[in-house]
Amino acid sequence: MRIRLEKPNCLDGIYMDKNPASILAEILQISKEMQTHAENNEWASVTELESNRRAALESCFSQPIPEDQSTLFSEALAAMLHMNEELISMLESAKKDVAIRRTDQQRVSRSIGHYLDVKKN
């Protein structure tokens, strides 16, 4: 018996001839690369890799998954979800850092403006 998860037909040509387990291994590798880029604040790379990962996921789950590999798939998906949680945490932290820097920049701008006003008088 095979398990089939229905997904929209959005297959990338790269994944057409690969079996679901091979694609899933690539998905995990992409997820790890996304983490590495996130750790280095390379968010544009994370976004690009997310697009690639999404295509791989759609391709992976458009094919039947052999029942004897269902445990493998469950464990791999759990690992990917854990990596996603870590990515989200890093993203939230980066967003806070940007907000702090923006607030600091606004303070500096006000201070410069105040200094220039004082200098004129």
PDB file of N, CA and C in Angstrom:
ATOM      1  N   MET A   1       0.845  -1.183   0.000  1.00  0.00           N
ATOM      2  CA  MET A   1       0.000   0.000   0.000  1.00  0.00           C
ATOM      3  C   MET A   1       0.887   1.243   0.000  1.00  0.00           C
ATOM      4  N   ARG A   2       0.461   2.277  -0.713  1.00  0.00           N
ATOM      5  CA  ARG A   2       1.206   3.531  -0.780  1.00  0.00           C
ATOM      6  C   ARG A   2       0.335   4.642  -0.236  1.00  0.00           C
ATOM      7  N   ILE A   3       0.989   5.594   0.424  1.00  0.00           N
ATOM      8  CA  ILE A   3       0.310   6.773   0.947  1.00  0.00           C
ATOM      9  C   ILE A   3       0.490   7.881  -0.069  1.00  0.00           C
ATOM     10  N   ARG A   4      -0.570   8.593  -0.392  1.00  0.00           N
ATOM     11  CA  ARG A   4      -0.463   9.700  -1.342  1.00  0.00           C
ATOM     12  C   ARG A   4      -1.073  10.939  -0.717  1.00  0.00           C
ATOM     13  N   LEU A   5      -0.273  11.995  -0.632  1.00  0.00           N
ATOM     14  CA  LEU A   5      -0.751  13.277  -0.149  1.00  0.00           C
ATOM     15  C   LEU A   5      -0.998  14.150  -1.366  1.00  0.00           C
ATOM     16  N   GLU A   6      -2.171  14.706  -1.453  1.00  0.00           N
ATOM     17  CA  GLU A   6      -2.515  15.542  -2.601  1.00  0.00           C
ATOM     18  C   GLU A   6      -1.944  16.934  -2.431  1.00  0.00           C
ATOM     19  N   LYS A   7      -1.277  17.404  -3.436  1.00  0.00           N
ATOM     20  CA  LYS A   7      -0.726  18.755  -3.476  1.00  0.00           C
ATOM     21  C   LYS A   7      -0.988  19.312  -4.858  1.00  0.00           C
ATOM     22  N   PRO A   8      -0.980  20.637  -4.998  1.00  0.00           N
ATOM     23  CA  PRO A   8      -1.167  21.218  -6.324  1.00  0.00           C
ATOM     24  C   PRO A   8      -0.064  20.782  -7.274  1.00  0.00           C
ATOM     25  N   ASN A   9      -0.381  20.681  -8.542  1.00  0.00           N
ATOM     26  CA  ASN A   9       0.611  20.277  -9.536  1.00  0.00           C
ATOM     27  C   ASN A   9       1.503  21.455  -9.882  1.00  0.00           C
ATOM     28  N   CYS A  10       2.607  21.557  -9.182  1.00  0.00           N
ATOM     29  CA  CYS A  10       3.552  22.658  -9.385  1.00  0.00           C
ATOM     30  C   CYS A  10       4.948  22.052  -9.351  1.00  0.00           C
ATOM     31  N   LEU A  11       5.177  21.068 -10.237  1.00  0.00           N
ATOM     32  CA  LEU A  11       6.429  20.323 -10.200  1.00  0.00           C
ATOM     33  C   LEU A  11       7.530  21.067 -10.929  1.00  0.00           C
ATOM     34  N   ASP A  12       8.660  21.117 -10.298  1.00  0.00           N
ATOM     35  CA  ASP A  12       9.849  21.687 -10.902  1.00  0.00           C
ATOM     36  C   ASP A  12      10.523  20.557 -11.679  1.00  0.00           C
ATOM     37  N   GLY A  13      10.991  20.833 -12.882  1.00  0.00           N
ATOM     38  CA  GLY A  13      11.611  19.815 -13.719  1.00  0.00           C
ATOM     39  C   GLY A  13      12.753  19.086 -13.052  1.00  0.00           C
ATOM     40  N   ILE A  14      13.401  19.724 -12.116  1.00  0.00           N
ATOM     41  CA  ILE A  14      14.536  19.124 -11.420  1.00  0.00           C
ATOM     42  C   ILE A  14      14.123  17.858 -10.677  1.00  0.00           C
ATOM     43  N   TYR A  15      12.911  17.830 -10.168  1.00  0.00           N
ATOM     44  CA  TYR A  15      12.483  16.745  -9.295  1.00  0.00           C
ATOM     45  C   TYR A  15      11.641  15.688 -10.001  1.00  0.00           C
ATOM     46  N   MET A  16      11.388  15.836 -11.280  1.00  0.00           N
ATOM     47  CA  MET A  16      10.472  14.947 -11.995  1.00  0.00           C
ATOM     48  C   MET A  16      10.907  13.478 -11.938  1.00  0.00           C
ATOM     49  N   ASP A  17      12.186  13.186 -12.027  1.00  0.00           N
ATOM     50  CA  ASP A  17      12.651  11.808 -12.129  1.00  0.00           C
ATOM     51  C   ASP A  17      13.193  11.250 -10.814  1.00  0.00           C
ATOM     52  N   LYS A  18      12.991  11.933  -9.725  1.00  0.00           N
ATOM     53  CA  LYS A  18      13.539  11.478  -8.448  1.00  0.00           C
ATOM     54  C   LYS A  18      12.446  10.852  -7.603  1.00  0.00           C
ATOM     55  N   ASN A  19      12.864   9.921  -6.755  1.00  0.00           N
ATOM     56  CA  ASN A  19      11.881   9.307  -5.866  1.00  0.00           C
ATOM     57  C   ASN A  19      11.667  10.196  -4.644  1.00  0.00           C
ATOM     58  N   PRO A  20      10.543  10.045  -3.971  1.00  0.00           N
ATOM     59  CA  PRO A  20      10.225  10.932  -2.843  1.00  0.00           C
ATOM     60  C   PRO A  20      11.287  10.956  -1.741  1.00  0.00           C
ATOM     61  N   ALA A  21      11.902   9.818  -1.450  1.00  0.00           N
ATOM     62  CA  ALA A  21      12.922   9.790  -0.394  1.00  0.00           C
ATOM     63  C   ALA A  21      14.138  10.631  -0.766  1.00  0.00           C
ATOM     64  N   SER A  22      14.532  10.599  -2.036  1.00  0.00           N
ATOM     65  CA  SER A  22      15.662  11.422  -2.488  1.00  0.00           C
ATOM     66  C   SER A  22      15.328  12.898  -2.400  1.00  0.00           C
ATOM     67  N   ILE A  23      14.104  13.235  -2.805  1.00  0.00           N
ATOM     68  CA  ILE A  23      13.673  14.633  -2.744  1.00  0.00           C
ATOM     69  C   ILE A  23      13.625  15.097  -1.293  1.00  0.00           C
ATOM     70  N   LEU A  24      13.124  14.231  -0.418  1.00  0.00           N
ATOM     71  CA  LEU A  24      13.033  14.586   1.000  1.00  0.00           C
ATOM     72  C   LEU A  24      14.419  14.839   1.585  1.00  0.00           C
ATOM     73  N   ALA A  25      15.396  14.046   1.191  1.00  0.00           N
ATOM     74  CA  ALA A  25      16.771  14.267   1.652  1.00  0.00           C
ATOM     75  C   ALA A  25      17.263  15.641   1.196  1.00  0.00           C
ATOM     76  N   GLU A  26      16.925  16.024  -0.040  1.00  0.00           N
ATOM     77  CA  GLU A  26      17.311  17.350  -0.530  1.00  0.00           C
ATOM     78  C   GLU A  26      16.596  18.451   0.246  1.00  0.00           C
ATOM     79  N   ILE A  27      15.341  18.206   0.596  1.00  0.00           N
ATOM     80  CA  ILE A  27      14.575  19.184   1.370  1.00  0.00           C
ATOM     81  C   ILE A  27      15.246  19.432   2.719  1.00  0.00           C
ATOM     82  N   LEU A  28      15.688  18.373   3.350  1.00  0.00           N
ATOM     83  CA  LEU A  28      16.379  18.526   4.639  1.00  0.00           C
ATOM     84  C   LEU A  28      17.687  19.283   4.469  1.00  0.00           C
ATOM     85  N   GLN A  29      18.396  19.011   3.377  1.00  0.00           N
ATOM     86  CA  GLN A  29      19.650  19.729   3.112  1.00  0.00           C
ATOM     87  C   GLN A  29      19.373  21.207   2.869  1.00  0.00           C
ATOM     88  N   ILE A  30      18.341  21.502   2.109  1.00  0.00           N
ATOM     89  CA  ILE A  30      17.975  22.904   1.857  1.00  0.00           C
ATOM     90  C   ILE A  30      17.627  23.593   3.171  1.00  0.00           C
ATOM     91  N   SER A  31      16.879  22.894   4.034  1.00  0.00           N
ATOM     92  CA  SER A  31      16.494  23.467   5.331  1.00  0.00           C
ATOM     93  C   SER A  31      17.725  23.794   6.166  1.00  0.00           C
ATOM     94  N   LYS A  32      18.710  22.905   6.140  1.00  0.00           N
ATOM     95  CA  LYS A  32      19.950  23.146   6.883  1.00  0.00           C
ATOM     96  C   LYS A  32      20.694  24.347   6.307  1.00  0.00           C
ATOM     97  N   GLU A  33      20.731  24.454   4.977  1.00  0.00           N
ATOM     98  CA  GLU A  33      21.375  25.606   4.346  1.00  0.00           C
ATOM     99  C   GLU A  33      20.652  26.898   4.728  1.00  0.00           C
ATOM    100  N   MET A  34      19.339  26.839   4.799  1.00  0.00           N
ATOM    101  CA  MET A  34      18.563  28.011   5.202  1.00  0.00           C
ATOM    102  C   MET A  34      18.960  28.446   6.603  1.00  0.00           C
ATOM    103  N   GLN A  35      19.125  27.478   7.495  1.00  0.00           N
ATOM    104  CA  GLN A  35      19.556  27.792   8.866  1.00  0.00           C
ATOM    105  C   GLN A  35      20.916  28.468   8.872  1.00  0.00           C
ATOM    106  N   THR A  36      21.836  27.940   8.105  1.00  0.00           N
ATOM    107  CA  THR A  36      23.188  28.506   8.049  1.00  0.00           C
ATOM    108  C   THR A  36      23.146  29.947   7.560  1.00  0.00           C
ATOM    109  N   HIS A  37      22.378  30.194   6.515  1.00  0.00           N
ATOM    110  CA  HIS A  37      22.265  31.563   5.999  1.00  0.00           C
ATOM    111  C   HIS A  37      21.581  32.473   7.015  1.00  0.00           C
ATOM    112  N   ALA A  38      20.588  31.965   7.709  1.00  0.00           N
ATOM    113  CA  ALA A  38      19.904  32.771   8.725  1.00  0.00           C
ATOM    114  C   ALA A  38      20.865  33.136   9.851  1.00  0.00           C
ATOM    115  N   GLU A  39      21.690  32.194  10.257  1.00  0.00           N
ATOM    116  CA  GLU A  39      22.668  32.466  11.312  1.00  0.00           C
ATOM    117  C   GLU A  39      23.631  33.578  10.905  1.00  0.00           C
ATOM    118  N   ASN A  40      23.849  33.721   9.595  1.00  0.00           N
ATOM    119  CA  ASN A  40      24.750  34.755   9.071  1.00  0.00           C
ATOM    120  C   ASN A  40      23.992  36.005   8.613  1.00  0.00           C
ATOM    121  N   ASN A  41      22.718  36.094   8.978  1.00  0.00           N
ATOM    122  CA  ASN A  41      21.862  37.223   8.587  1.00  0.00           C
ATOM    123  C   ASN A  41      21.804  37.420   7.076  1.00  0.00           C
ATOM    124  N   GLU A  42      21.814  36.348   6.340  1.00  0.00           N
ATOM    125  CA  GLU A  42      21.720  36.390   4.880  1.00  0.00           C
ATOM    126  C   GLU A  42      20.287  36.030   4.482  1.00  0.00           C
ATOM    127  N   TRP A  43      19.382  36.951   4.772  1.00  0.00           N
ATOM    128  CA  TRP A  43      17.954  36.662   4.629  1.00  0.00           C
ATOM    129  C   TRP A  43      17.518  36.552   3.178  1.00  0.00           C
ATOM    130  N   ALA A  44      18.182  37.222   2.273  1.00  0.00           N
ATOM    131  CA  ALA A  44      17.833  37.080   0.851  1.00  0.00           C
ATOM    132  C   ALA A  44      18.096  35.643   0.385  1.00  0.00           C
ATOM    133  N   SER A  45      19.187  35.060   0.866  1.00  0.00           N
ATOM    134  CA  SER A  45      19.498  33.665   0.524  1.00  0.00           C
ATOM    135  C   SER A  45      18.480  32.722   1.136  1.00  0.00           C
ATOM    136  N   VAL A  46      18.054  33.018   2.359  1.00  0.00           N
ATOM    137  CA  VAL A  46      17.032  32.191   3.015  1.00  0.00           C
ATOM    138  C   VAL A  46      15.750  32.209   2.182  1.00  0.00           C
ATOM    139  N   THR A  47      15.371  33.386   1.722  1.00  0.00           N
ATOM    140  CA  THR A  47      14.150  33.525   0.928  1.00  0.00           C
ATOM    141  C   THR A  47      14.248  32.743  -0.379  1.00  0.00           C
ATOM    142  N   GLU A  48      15.394  32.825  -1.038  1.00  0.00           N
ATOM    143  CA  GLU A  48      15.594  32.089  -2.288  1.00  0.00           C
ATOM    144  C   GLU A  48      15.529  30.586  -2.051  1.00  0.00           C
ATOM    145  N   LEU A  49      16.189  30.134  -0.987  1.00  0.00           N
ATOM    146  CA  LEU A  49      16.171  28.707  -0.670  1.00  0.00           C
ATOM    147  C   LEU A  49      14.769  28.236  -0.284  1.00  0.00           C
ATOM    148  N   GLU A  50      14.000  29.091   0.374  1.00  0.00           N
ATOM    149  CA  GLU A  50      12.636  28.731   0.736  1.00  0.00           C
ATOM    150  C   GLU A  50      11.806  28.461  -0.515  1.00  0.00           C
ATOM    151  N   SER A  51      12.013  29.253  -1.535  1.00  0.00           N
ATOM    152  CA  SER A  51      11.307  29.044  -2.799  1.00  0.00           C
ATOM    153  C   SER A  51      11.677  27.689  -3.400  1.00  0.00           C
ATOM    154  N   ASN A  52      12.958  27.363  -3.374  1.00  0.00           N
ATOM    155  CA  ASN A  52      13.425  26.063  -3.879  1.00  0.00           C
ATOM    156  C   ASN A  52      12.847  24.923  -3.044  1.00  0.00           C
ATOM    157  N   ARG A  53      12.835  25.111  -1.739  1.00  0.00           N
ATOM    158  CA  ARG A  53      12.330  24.065  -0.842  1.00  0.00           C
ATOM    159  C   ARG A  53      10.840  23.842  -1.069  1.00  0.00           C
ATOM    160  N   ARG A  54      10.105  24.916  -1.281  1.00  0.00           N
ATOM    161  CA  ARG A  54       8.661  24.797  -1.519  1.00  0.00           C
ATOM    162  C   ARG A  54       8.400  23.962  -2.772  1.00  0.00           C
ATOM    163  N   ALA A  55       9.159  24.216  -3.842  1.00  0.00           N
ATOM    164  CA  ALA A  55       9.003  23.434  -5.076  1.00  0.00           C
ATOM    165  C   ALA A  55       9.338  21.961  -4.828  1.00  0.00           C
ATOM    166  N   ALA A  56      10.385  21.719  -4.053  1.00  0.00           N
ATOM    167  CA  ALA A  56      10.768  20.340  -3.747  1.00  0.00           C
ATOM    168  C   ALA A  56       9.686  19.642  -2.917  1.00  0.00           C
ATOM    169  N   LEU A  57       9.123  20.362  -1.948  1.00  0.00           N
ATOM    170  CA  LEU A  57       8.056  19.784  -1.130  1.00  0.00           C
ATOM    171  C   LEU A  57       6.837  19.422  -1.980  1.00  0.00           C
ATOM    172  N   GLU A  58       6.473  20.315  -2.880  1.00  0.00           N
ATOM    173  CA  GLU A  58       5.326  20.044  -3.749  1.00  0.00           C
ATOM    174  C   GLU A  58       5.584  18.820  -4.617  1.00  0.00           C
ATOM    175  N   SER A  59       6.795  18.721  -5.132  1.00  0.00           N
ATOM    176  CA  SER A  59       7.144  17.570  -5.952  1.00  0.00           C
ATOM    177  C   SER A  59       7.177  16.286  -5.120  1.00  0.00           C
ATOM    178  N   CYS A  60       7.761  16.371  -3.966  1.00  0.00           N
ATOM    179  CA  CYS A  60       7.895  15.204  -3.095  1.00  0.00           C
ATOM    180  C   CYS A  60       6.531  14.611  -2.740  1.00  0.00           C
ATOM    181  N   PHE A  61       5.605  15.471  -2.386  1.00  0.00           N
ATOM    182  CA  PHE A  61       4.322  14.973  -1.912  1.00  0.00           C
ATOM    183  C   PHE A  61       3.273  14.861  -3.006  1.00  0.00           C
ATOM    184  N   SER A  62       3.686  15.036  -4.249  1.00  0.00           N
ATOM    185  CA  SER A  62       2.783  14.780  -5.364  1.00  0.00           C
ATOM    186  C   SER A  62       2.920  13.333  -5.828  1.00  0.00           C
ATOM    187  N   GLN A  63       3.920  12.647  -5.275  1.00  0.00           N
ATOM    188  CA  GLN A  63       4.178  11.260  -5.636  1.00  0.00           C
ATOM    189  C   GLN A  63       3.758  10.342  -4.486  1.00  0.00           C
ATOM    190  N   PRO A  64       3.433   9.112  -4.814  1.00  0.00           N
ATOM    191  CA  PRO A  64       3.101   8.161  -3.739  1.00  0.00           C
ATOM    192  C   PRO A  64       4.315   7.910  -2.845  1.00  0.00           C
ATOM    193  N   ILE A  65       4.064   7.820  -1.566  1.00  0.00           N
ATOM    194  CA  ILE A  65       5.113   7.513  -0.599  1.00  0.00           C
ATOM    195  C   ILE A  65       4.930   6.061  -0.173  1.00  0.00           C
ATOM    196  N   PRO A  66       5.947   5.244  -0.373  1.00  0.00           N
ATOM    197  CA  PRO A  66       5.807   3.843   0.025  1.00  0.00           C
ATOM    198  C   PRO A  66       5.503   3.738   1.522  1.00  0.00           C
ATOM    199  N   GLU A  67       4.566   2.886   1.838  1.00  0.00           N
ATOM    200  CA  GLU A  67       4.148   2.744   3.237  1.00  0.00           C
ATOM    201  C   GLU A  67       5.321   2.360   4.133  1.00  0.00           C
ATOM    202  N   ASP A  68       6.246   1.554   3.617  1.00  0.00           N
ATOM    203  CA  ASP A  68       7.386   1.143   4.434  1.00  0.00           C
ATOM    204  C   ASP A  68       8.339   2.295   4.732  1.00  0.00           C
ATOM    205  N   GLN A  69       8.138   3.450   4.083  1.00  0.00           N
ATOM    206  CA  GLN A  69       8.967   4.626   4.353  1.00  0.00           C
ATOM    207  C   GLN A  69       8.212   5.694   5.141  1.00  0.00           C
ATOM    208  N   SER A  70       7.016   5.381   5.590  1.00  0.00           N
ATOM    209  CA  SER A  70       6.215   6.397   6.278  1.00  0.00           C
ATOM    210  C   SER A  70       6.885   6.880   7.562  1.00  0.00           C
ATOM    211  N   THR A  71       7.557   6.006   8.291  1.00  0.00           N
ATOM    212  CA  THR A  71       8.260   6.415   9.511  1.00  0.00           C
ATOM    213  C   THR A  71       9.416   7.347   9.164  1.00  0.00           C
ATOM    214  N   LEU A  72      10.148   7.002   8.120  1.00  0.00           N
ATOM    215  CA  LEU A  72      11.252   7.846   7.653  1.00  0.00           C
ATOM    216  C   LEU A  72      10.738   9.242   7.315  1.00  0.00           C
ATOM    217  N   PHE A  73       9.632   9.296   6.597  1.00  0.00           N
ATOM    218  CA  PHE A  73       9.064  10.586   6.209  1.00  0.00           C
ATOM    219  C   PHE A  73       8.584  11.359   7.429  1.00  0.00           C
ATOM    220  N   SER A  74       7.958  10.679   8.366  1.00  0.00           N
ATOM    221  CA  SER A  74       7.485  11.353   9.581  1.00  0.00           C
ATOM    222  C   SER A  74       8.644  11.966  10.349  1.00  0.00           C
ATOM    223  N   GLU A  75       9.718  11.208  10.496  1.00  0.00           N
ATOM    224  CA  GLU A  75      10.883  11.704  11.230  1.00  0.00           C
ATOM    225  C   GLU A  75      11.558  12.859  10.485  1.00  0.00           C
ATOM    226  N   ALA A  76      11.657  12.736   9.176  1.00  0.00           N
ATOM    227  CA  ALA A  76      12.278  13.805   8.388  1.00  0.00           C
ATOM    228  C   ALA A  76      11.444  15.081   8.457  1.00  0.00           C
ATOM    229  N   LEU A  77      10.129  14.940   8.382  1.00  0.00           N
ATOM    230  CA  LEU A  77       9.262  16.115   8.469  1.00  0.00           C
ATOM    231  C   LEU A  77       9.333  16.742   9.859  1.00  0.00           C
ATOM    232  N   ALA A  78       9.438  15.920  10.888  1.00  0.00           N
ATOM    233  CA  ALA A  78       9.584  16.452  12.245  1.00  0.00           C
ATOM    234  C   ALA A  78      10.889  17.248  12.361  1.00  0.00           C
ATOM    235  N   ALA A  79      11.958  16.737  11.768  1.00  0.00           N
ATOM    236  CA  ALA A  79      13.243  17.448  11.781  1.00  0.00           C
ATOM    237  C   ALA A  79      13.127  18.769  11.027  1.00  0.00           C
ATOM    238  N   MET A  80      12.446  18.749   9.877  1.00  0.00           N
ATOM    239  CA  MET A  80      12.283  19.974   9.107  1.00  0.00           C
ATOM    240  C   MET A  80      11.447  20.993   9.882  1.00  0.00           C
ATOM    241  N   LEU A  81      10.404  20.547  10.540  1.00  0.00           N
ATOM    242  CA  LEU A  81       9.572  21.460  11.327  1.00  0.00           C
ATOM    243  C   LEU A  81      10.367  22.069  12.479  1.00  0.00           C
ATOM    244  N   HIS A  82      11.230  21.258  13.096  1.00  0.00           N
ATOM    245  CA  HIS A  82      12.083  21.778  14.169  1.00  0.00           C
ATOM    246  C   HIS A  82      13.025  22.854  13.621  1.00  0.00           C
ATOM    247  N   MET A  83      13.606  22.599  12.445  1.00  0.00           N
ATOM    248  CA  MET A  83      14.485  23.604  11.826  1.00  0.00           C
ATOM    249  C   MET A  83      13.691  24.866  11.490  1.00  0.00           C
ATOM    250  N   ASN A  84      12.443  24.687  11.051  1.00  0.00           N
ATOM    251  CA  ASN A  84      11.597  25.854  10.765  1.00  0.00           C
ATOM    252  C   ASN A  84      11.365  26.685  12.013  1.00  0.00           C
ATOM    253  N   GLU A  85      11.114  26.026  13.135  1.00  0.00           N
ATOM    254  CA  GLU A  85      10.914  26.751  14.391  1.00  0.00           C
ATOM    255  C   GLU A  85      12.157  27.554  14.756  1.00  0.00           C
ATOM    256  N   GLU A  86      13.335  26.956  14.554  1.00  0.00           N
ATOM    257  CA  GLU A  86      14.580  27.678  14.818  1.00  0.00           C
ATOM    258  C   GLU A  86      14.742  28.855  13.870  1.00  0.00           C
ATOM    259  N   LEU A  87      14.386  28.662  12.591  1.00  0.00           N
ATOM    260  CA  LEU A  87      14.450  29.756  11.619  1.00  0.00           C
ATOM    261  C   LEU A  87      13.518  30.899  12.015  1.00  0.00           C
ATOM    262  N   ILE A  88      12.327  30.557  12.431  1.00  0.00           N
ATOM    263  CA  ILE A  88      11.365  31.584  12.846  1.00  0.00           C
ATOM    264  C   ILE A  88      11.897  32.342  14.047  1.00  0.00           C
ATOM    265  N   SER A  89      12.503  31.637  14.971  1.00  0.00           N
ATOM    266  CA  SER A  89      13.093  32.285  16.141  1.00  0.00           C
ATOM    267  C   SER A  89      14.205  33.259  15.722  1.00  0.00           C
ATOM    268  N   MET A  90      15.066  32.820  14.788  1.00  0.00           N
ATOM    269  CA  MET A  90      16.134  33.701  14.305  1.00  0.00           C
ATOM    270  C   MET A  90      15.557  34.900  13.566  1.00  0.00           C
ATOM    271  N   LEU A  91      14.492  34.687  12.811  1.00  0.00           N
ATOM    272  CA  LEU A  91      13.853  35.782  12.087  1.00  0.00           C
ATOM    273  C   LEU A  91      13.256  36.794  13.062  1.00  0.00           C
ATOM    274  N   GLU A  92      12.580  36.312  14.100  1.00  0.00           N
ATOM    275  CA  GLU A  92      12.004  37.209  15.103  1.00  0.00           C
ATOM    276  C   GLU A  92      13.095  38.025  15.791  1.00  0.00           C
ATOM    277  N   SER A  93      14.200  37.373  16.083  1.00  0.00           N
ATOM    278  CA  SER A  93      15.327  38.071  16.704  1.00  0.00           C
ATOM    279  C   SER A  93      15.890  39.137  15.761  1.00  0.00           C
ATOM    280  N   ALA A  94      16.022  38.794  14.491  1.00  0.00           N
ATOM    281  CA  ALA A  94      16.533  39.753  13.511  1.00  0.00           C
ATOM    282  C   ALA A  94      15.578  40.933  13.364  1.00  0.00           C
ATOM    283  N   LYS A  95      14.277  40.665  13.392  1.00  0.00           N
ATOM    284  CA  LYS A  95      13.300  41.738  13.293  1.00  0.00           C
ATOM    285  C   LYS A  95      13.411  42.678  14.494  1.00  0.00           C
ATOM    286  N   LYS A  96      13.616  42.122  15.682  1.00  0.00           N
ATOM    287  CA  LYS A  96      13.793  42.959  16.876  1.00  0.00           C
ATOM    288  C   LYS A  96      15.038  43.816  16.762  1.00  0.00           C
ATOM    289  N   ASP A  97      16.124  43.212  16.254  1.00  0.00           N
ATOM    290  CA  ASP A  97      17.373  43.961  16.080  1.00  0.00           C
ATOM    291  C   ASP A  97      17.181  45.123  15.114  1.00  0.00           C
ATOM    292  N   VAL A  98      16.455  44.887  14.032  1.00  0.00           N
ATOM    293  CA  VAL A  98      16.199  45.950  13.059  1.00  0.00           C
ATOM    294  C   VAL A  98      15.366  47.057  13.697  1.00  0.00           C
ATOM    295  N   ALA A  99      14.370  46.680  14.481  1.00  0.00           N
ATOM    296  CA  ALA A  99      13.525  47.684  15.147  1.00  0.00           C
ATOM    297  C   ALA A  99      14.353  48.518  16.120  1.00  0.00           C
ATOM    298  N   ILE A 100      15.247  47.869  16.851  1.00  0.00           N
ATOM    299  CA  ILE A 100      16.107  48.594  17.799  1.00  0.00           C
ATOM    300  C   ILE A 100      17.021  49.549  17.042  1.00  0.00           C
ATOM    301  N   ARG A 101      17.628  49.061  15.959  1.00  0.00           N
ATOM    302  CA  ARG A 101      18.514  49.930  15.178  1.00  0.00           C
ATOM    303  C   ARG A 101      17.746  51.108  14.584  1.00  0.00           C
ATOM    304  N   ARG A 102      16.520  50.861  14.165  1.00  0.00           N
ATOM    305  CA  ARG A 102      15.705  51.947  13.603  1.00  0.00           C
ATOM    306  C   ARG A 102      15.413  52.993  14.685  1.00  0.00           C
ATOM    307  N   THR A 103      15.060  52.529  15.878  1.00  0.00           N
ATOM    308  CA  THR A 103      14.791  53.451  16.990  1.00  0.00           C
ATOM    309  C   THR A 103      16.050  54.239  17.330  1.00  0.00           C
ATOM    310  N   ASP A 104      17.182  53.553  17.389  1.00  0.00           N
ATOM    311  CA  ASP A 104      18.447  54.235  17.671  1.00  0.00           C
ATOM    312  C   ASP A 104      18.756  55.273  16.595  1.00  0.00           C
ATOM    313  N   GLN A 105      18.508  54.919  15.329  1.00  0.00           N
ATOM    314  CA  GLN A 105      18.761  55.850  14.232  1.00  0.00           C
ATOM    315  C   GLN A 105      17.859  57.077  14.345  1.00  0.00           C
ATOM    316  N   GLN A 106      16.612  56.872  14.747  1.00  0.00           N
ATOM    317  CA  GLN A 106      15.697  58.002  14.916  1.00  0.00           C
ATOM    318  C   GLN A 106      16.192  58.925  16.028  1.00  0.00           C
ATOM    319  N   ARG A 107      16.698  58.340  17.115  1.00  0.00           N
ATOM    320  CA  ARG A 107      17.241  59.149  18.209  1.00  0.00           C
ATOM    321  C   ARG A 107      18.439  59.962  17.737  1.00  0.00           C
ATOM    322  N   VAL A 108      19.311  59.326  16.975  1.00  0.00           N
ATOM    323  CA  VAL A 108      20.484  60.025  16.454  1.00  0.00           C
ATOM    324  C   VAL A 108      20.045  61.172  15.554  1.00  0.00           C
ATOM    325  N   SER A 109      19.078  60.916  14.700  1.00  0.00           N
ATOM    326  CA  SER A 109      18.587  61.976  13.803  1.00  0.00           C
ATOM    327  C   SER A 109      18.010  63.143  14.596  1.00  0.00           C
ATOM    328  N   ARG A 110      17.243  62.845  15.644  1.00  0.00           N
ATOM    329  CA  ARG A 110      16.691  63.921  16.482  1.00  0.00           C
ATOM    330  C   ARG A 110      17.804  64.683  17.189  1.00  0.00           C
ATOM    331  N   SER A 111      18.800  63.947  17.661  1.00  0.00           N
ATOM    332  CA  SER A 111      19.916  64.608  18.350  1.00  0.00           C
ATOM    333  C   SER A 111      20.680  65.516  17.401  1.00  0.00           C
ATOM    334  N   ILE A 112      20.898  65.048  16.191  1.00  0.00           N
ATOM    335  CA  ILE A 112      21.592  65.879  15.199  1.00  0.00           C
ATOM    336  C   ILE A 112      20.753  67.112  14.895  1.00  0.00           C
ATOM    337  N   GLY A 113      19.455  66.905  14.721  1.00  0.00           N
ATOM    338  CA  GLY A 113      18.565  68.041  14.472  1.00  0.00           C
ATOM    339  C   GLY A 113      18.591  69.032  15.612  1.00  0.00           C
ATOM    340  N   HIS A 114      18.559  68.523  16.831  1.00  0.00           N
ATOM    341  CA  HIS A 114      18.620  69.402  18.014  1.00  0.00           C
ATOM    342  C   HIS A 114      19.951  70.155  18.046  1.00  0.00           C
ATOM    343  N   TYR A 115      21.053  69.457  17.770  1.00  0.00           N
ATOM    344  CA  TYR A 115      22.370  70.081  17.766  1.00  0.00           C
ATOM    345  C   TYR A 115      22.424  71.192  16.716  1.00  0.00           C
ATOM    346  N   LEU A 116      21.892  70.901  15.525  1.00  0.00           N
ATOM    347  CA  LEU A 116      21.911  71.923  14.467  1.00  0.00           C
ATOM    348  C   LEU A 116      21.055  73.122  14.841  1.00  0.00           C
ATOM    349  N   ASP A 117      19.914  72.877  15.515  1.00  0.00           N
ATOM    350  CA  ASP A 117      19.059  73.994  15.963  1.00  0.00           C
ATOM    351  C   ASP A 117      19.780  74.838  16.993  1.00  0.00           C
ATOM    352  N   VAL A 118      20.483  74.182  17.913  1.00  0.00           N
ATOM    353  CA  VAL A 118      21.208  74.902  18.949  1.00  0.00           C
ATOM    354  C   VAL A 118      22.345  75.699  18.336  1.00  0.00           C
ATOM    355  N   LYS A 119      23.034  75.121  17.365  1.00  0.00           N
ATOM    356  CA  LYS A 119      24.165  75.772  16.722  1.00  0.00           C
ATOM    357  C   LYS A 119      23.718  77.051  15.989  1.00  0.00           C
ATOM    358  N   LYS A 120      22.509  77.052  15.411  1.00  0.00           N
ATOM    359  CA  LYS A 120      22.007  78.209  14.693  1.00  0.00           C
ATOM    360  C   LYS A 120      21.750  79.376  15.660  1.00  0.00           C
ATOM    361  N   ASN A 121      21.328  79.061  16.856  1.00  0.00           N
ATOM    362  CA  ASN A 121      20.993  80.126  17.826  1.00  0.00           C
ATOM    363  C   ASN A 121      22.257  80.583  18.447  1.00  0.00           C
TER     364      ASN A 121
END
